[in-house]
Each structure stands twice: as C-alpha cells, then as structure tokens.
Amino acid sequence: MIPLTVADKEKEQIIKKIGGNEEIRRHLANLGFTVGGTVTVINSLNGNLIIKVKESRIAVGEDMARKIMV
C-alpha cells in the first residue's frame, strides 16, 4: 500500500485503507472516497492533488491525500 500522494498519475487505483480520525474518514466518505472504490490522480501541484472519484474531479490537500492508501 502507498499513499495517494505518490500514486502514478492517470492510472486508476483501488482504495485499500483510509486513515485519520473519525471526522476525517467521514468527510472523505462524503466526498466519495470509500475502501474498495477507484480513484485516479489527474494532476499534482505543490503536493495538492486533483483526483477523479465517481466521475467527479475533487481537489484534495496533501495532508488529506496522505491518509488515502491505494
């Protein structure tokens, strides 16, 4: 498992684990990040990521992205 921050761009990944406290996990789940779901890193700028999840594009900060393991 690796954090989403170091995942290959433009390659579909499967979420294996979501870390952080309950509030962070709930927030990420509300955005569509669920274990077993797929995500694709579209772009990365200064550690911040633009991620495709469930046909939407979402910007996620580096700290949040580190909690998503693929």
N, C-alpha and C. Protein backbone atom coordinates (compact mmCIF):
# COMPACT_ATOMS: atom_id res chain seq x y z
N MET A 1 0.84 -1.19 0.00
CA MET A 1 0.00 0.00 0.00
C MET A 1 0.89 1.25 0.00
N ILE A 2 0.45 2.23 -0.77
CA ILE A 2 1.15 3.51 -0.81
C ILE A 2 0.13 4.63 -0.65
N PRO A 3 0.56 5.79 -0.13
CA PRO A 3 -0.37 6.92 -0.04
C PRO A 3 -0.68 7.47 -1.44
N LEU A 4 -1.83 8.06 -1.57
CA LEU A 4 -2.26 8.60 -2.86
C LEU A 4 -1.30 9.66 -3.38
N THR A 5 -0.57 10.31 -2.49
CA THR A 5 0.35 11.38 -2.91
C THR A 5 1.47 10.87 -3.82
N VAL A 6 1.81 9.57 -3.74
CA VAL A 6 2.88 9.04 -4.58
C VAL A 6 2.37 8.08 -5.66
N ALA A 7 1.07 7.99 -5.81
CA ALA A 7 0.49 7.11 -6.83
C ALA A 7 0.74 7.69 -8.22
N ASP A 8 0.80 6.80 -9.21
CA ASP A 8 1.02 7.22 -10.59
C ASP A 8 -0.15 8.05 -11.10
N LYS A 9 0.17 9.10 -11.86
CA LYS A 9 -0.88 9.92 -12.47
C LYS A 9 -1.55 9.15 -13.59
N GLU A 10 -2.82 9.47 -13.81
CA GLU A 10 -3.61 8.91 -14.91
C GLU A 10 -3.77 7.39 -14.84
N LYS A 11 -3.51 6.78 -13.69
CA LYS A 11 -3.67 5.34 -13.55
C LYS A 11 -4.72 5.09 -12.47
N GLU A 12 -5.73 4.31 -12.81
CA GLU A 12 -6.80 4.02 -11.86
C GLU A 12 -6.26 3.19 -10.70
N GLN A 13 -6.58 3.60 -9.49
CA GLN A 13 -6.12 2.93 -8.28
C GLN A 13 -7.33 2.50 -7.45
N ILE A 14 -7.17 1.45 -6.66
CA ILE A 14 -8.23 0.99 -5.76
C ILE A 14 -7.86 1.41 -4.35
N ILE A 15 -8.80 2.05 -3.65
CA ILE A 15 -8.56 2.49 -2.27
C ILE A 15 -8.57 1.25 -1.37
N LYS A 16 -7.48 1.09 -0.60
CA LYS A 16 -7.36 -0.07 0.27
C LYS A 16 -7.57 0.29 1.73
N LYS A 17 -7.28 1.53 2.11
CA LYS A 17 -7.42 1.94 3.51
C LYS A 17 -7.53 3.45 3.57
N ILE A 18 -8.33 3.94 4.51
CA ILE A 18 -8.44 5.37 4.74
C ILE A 18 -8.11 5.62 6.21
N GLY A 19 -7.08 6.41 6.45
CA GLY A 19 -6.63 6.69 7.81
C GLY A 19 -7.23 7.96 8.35
N GLY A 20 -6.72 8.37 9.50
CA GLY A 20 -7.18 9.60 10.13
C GLY A 20 -8.26 9.33 11.17
N ASN A 21 -8.68 10.39 11.83
CA ASN A 21 -9.73 10.23 12.85
C ASN A 21 -11.10 10.07 12.20
N GLU A 22 -12.09 9.83 13.01
CA GLU A 22 -13.45 9.56 12.51
C GLU A 22 -13.98 10.71 11.66
N GLU A 23 -13.71 11.95 12.07
CA GLU A 23 -14.21 13.11 11.34
C GLU A 23 -13.60 13.18 9.93
N ILE A 24 -12.32 12.92 9.83
CA ILE A 24 -11.65 12.94 8.52
C ILE A 24 -12.17 11.81 7.63
N ARG A 25 -12.30 10.62 8.19
CA ARG A 25 -12.80 9.48 7.40
C ARG A 25 -14.23 9.74 6.93
N ARG A 26 -15.06 10.34 7.76
CA ARG A 26 -16.43 10.66 7.38
C ARG A 26 -16.45 11.71 6.26
N HIS A 27 -15.59 12.72 6.39
CA HIS A 27 -15.51 13.77 5.37
C HIS A 27 -15.09 13.17 4.02
N LEU A 28 -14.06 12.32 4.04
CA LEU A 28 -13.61 11.68 2.80
C LEU A 28 -14.68 10.77 2.22
N ALA A 29 -15.41 10.06 3.08
CA ALA A 29 -16.51 9.20 2.60
C ALA A 29 -17.59 10.05 1.94
N ASN A 30 -17.89 11.22 2.50
CA ASN A 30 -18.89 12.11 1.90
C ASN A 30 -18.45 12.61 0.53
N LEU A 31 -17.14 12.71 0.32
CA LEU A 31 -16.61 13.13 -0.98
C LEU A 31 -16.57 11.97 -1.98
N GLY A 32 -16.78 10.73 -1.50
CA GLY A 32 -16.80 9.58 -2.39
C GLY A 32 -15.62 8.65 -2.23
N PHE A 33 -14.73 8.94 -1.29
CA PHE A 33 -13.57 8.08 -1.06
C PHE A 33 -13.95 6.96 -0.11
N THR A 34 -14.15 5.77 -0.64
CA THR A 34 -14.52 4.61 0.17
C THR A 34 -13.59 3.45 -0.15
N VAL A 35 -13.34 2.61 0.85
CA VAL A 35 -12.48 1.45 0.65
C VAL A 35 -13.10 0.56 -0.42
N GLY A 36 -12.28 0.15 -1.38
CA GLY A 36 -12.76 -0.65 -2.50
C GLY A 36 -13.13 0.18 -3.71
N GLY A 37 -13.30 1.49 -3.52
CA GLY A 37 -13.63 2.38 -4.63
C GLY A 37 -12.39 2.69 -5.46
N THR A 38 -12.60 3.22 -6.64
CA THR A 38 -11.48 3.55 -7.52
C THR A 38 -11.27 5.06 -7.59
N VAL A 39 -10.02 5.45 -7.71
CA VAL A 39 -9.64 6.85 -7.86
C VAL A 39 -8.54 6.96 -8.90
N THR A 40 -8.44 8.11 -9.53
CA THR A 40 -7.38 8.38 -10.49
C THR A 40 -6.81 9.76 -10.20
N VAL A 41 -5.50 9.84 -10.03
CA VAL A 41 -4.84 11.14 -9.84
C VAL A 41 -4.75 11.80 -11.21
N ILE A 42 -5.39 12.94 -11.35
CA ILE A 42 -5.40 13.68 -12.61
C ILE A 42 -4.18 14.59 -12.70
N ASN A 43 -3.90 15.32 -11.61
CA ASN A 43 -2.80 16.26 -11.62
C ASN A 43 -2.32 16.50 -10.20
N SER A 44 -1.09 16.95 -10.07
CA SER A 44 -0.50 17.25 -8.77
C SER A 44 0.23 18.57 -8.88
N LEU A 45 -0.01 19.47 -7.91
CA LEU A 45 0.65 20.77 -7.90
C LEU A 45 1.00 21.13 -6.47
N ASN A 46 2.28 21.21 -6.18
CA ASN A 46 2.77 21.52 -4.84
C ASN A 46 2.20 20.58 -3.78
N GLY A 47 2.04 19.32 -4.11
CA GLY A 47 1.54 18.34 -3.16
C GLY A 47 0.03 18.21 -3.13
N ASN A 48 -0.69 19.21 -3.63
CA ASN A 48 -2.14 19.14 -3.71
C ASN A 48 -2.53 18.35 -4.95
N LEU A 49 -3.59 17.55 -4.84
CA LEU A 49 -3.97 16.67 -5.93
C LEU A 49 -5.34 16.98 -6.47
N ILE A 50 -5.51 16.78 -7.76
CA ILE A 50 -6.84 16.77 -8.37
C ILE A 50 -7.11 15.31 -8.70
N ILE A 51 -8.19 14.79 -8.12
CA ILE A 51 -8.47 13.36 -8.18
C ILE A 51 -9.83 13.13 -8.80
N LYS A 52 -9.90 12.14 -9.68
CA LYS A 52 -11.18 11.72 -10.24
C LYS A 52 -11.72 10.60 -9.36
N VAL A 53 -12.91 10.83 -8.81
CA VAL A 53 -13.57 9.83 -7.98
C VAL A 53 -15.05 9.85 -8.31
N LYS A 54 -15.59 8.69 -8.67
CA LYS A 54 -17.01 8.57 -9.04
C LYS A 54 -17.44 9.62 -10.06
N GLU A 55 -16.70 9.72 -11.14
CA GLU A 55 -17.00 10.62 -12.27
C GLU A 55 -16.96 12.10 -11.90
N SER A 56 -16.38 12.45 -10.76
CA SER A 56 -16.20 13.85 -10.36
C SER A 56 -14.72 14.12 -10.17
N ARG A 57 -14.35 15.38 -10.31
CA ARG A 57 -12.98 15.78 -10.02
C ARG A 57 -12.98 16.57 -8.72
N ILE A 58 -12.09 16.17 -7.81
CA ILE A 58 -12.05 16.77 -6.48
C ILE A 58 -10.62 17.18 -6.19
N ALA A 59 -10.44 18.38 -5.64
CA ALA A 59 -9.13 18.83 -5.20
C ALA A 59 -8.95 18.44 -3.74
N VAL A 60 -7.82 17.82 -3.44
CA VAL A 60 -7.53 17.36 -2.08
C VAL A 60 -6.13 17.83 -1.69
N GLY A 61 -6.01 18.36 -0.48
CA GLY A 61 -4.71 18.80 0.03
C GLY A 61 -3.79 17.62 0.30
N GLU A 62 -2.51 17.91 0.40
CA GLU A 62 -1.51 16.86 0.60
C GLU A 62 -1.75 16.08 1.89
N ASP A 63 -2.11 16.76 2.98
CA ASP A 63 -2.35 16.06 4.25
C ASP A 63 -3.48 15.05 4.13
N MET A 64 -4.57 15.45 3.48
CA MET A 64 -5.71 14.55 3.29
C MET A 64 -5.32 13.39 2.38
N ALA A 65 -4.60 13.69 1.30
CA ALA A 65 -4.22 12.66 0.33
C ALA A 65 -3.31 11.60 0.96
N ARG A 66 -2.53 11.98 1.95
CA ARG A 66 -1.65 11.02 2.62
C ARG A 66 -2.44 9.98 3.42
N LYS A 67 -3.66 10.31 3.79
CA LYS A 67 -4.48 9.40 4.57
C LYS A 67 -5.19 8.35 3.70
N ILE A 68 -5.16 8.55 2.39
CA ILE A 68 -5.81 7.62 1.46
C ILE A 68 -4.75 6.68 0.92
N MET A 69 -4.87 5.41 1.27
CA MET A 69 -3.89 4.41 0.84
C MET A 69 -4.44 3.59 -0.31
N VAL A 70 -3.61 3.41 -1.35
CA VAL A 70 -4.02 2.64 -2.52
C VAL A 70 -3.07 1.48 -2.74
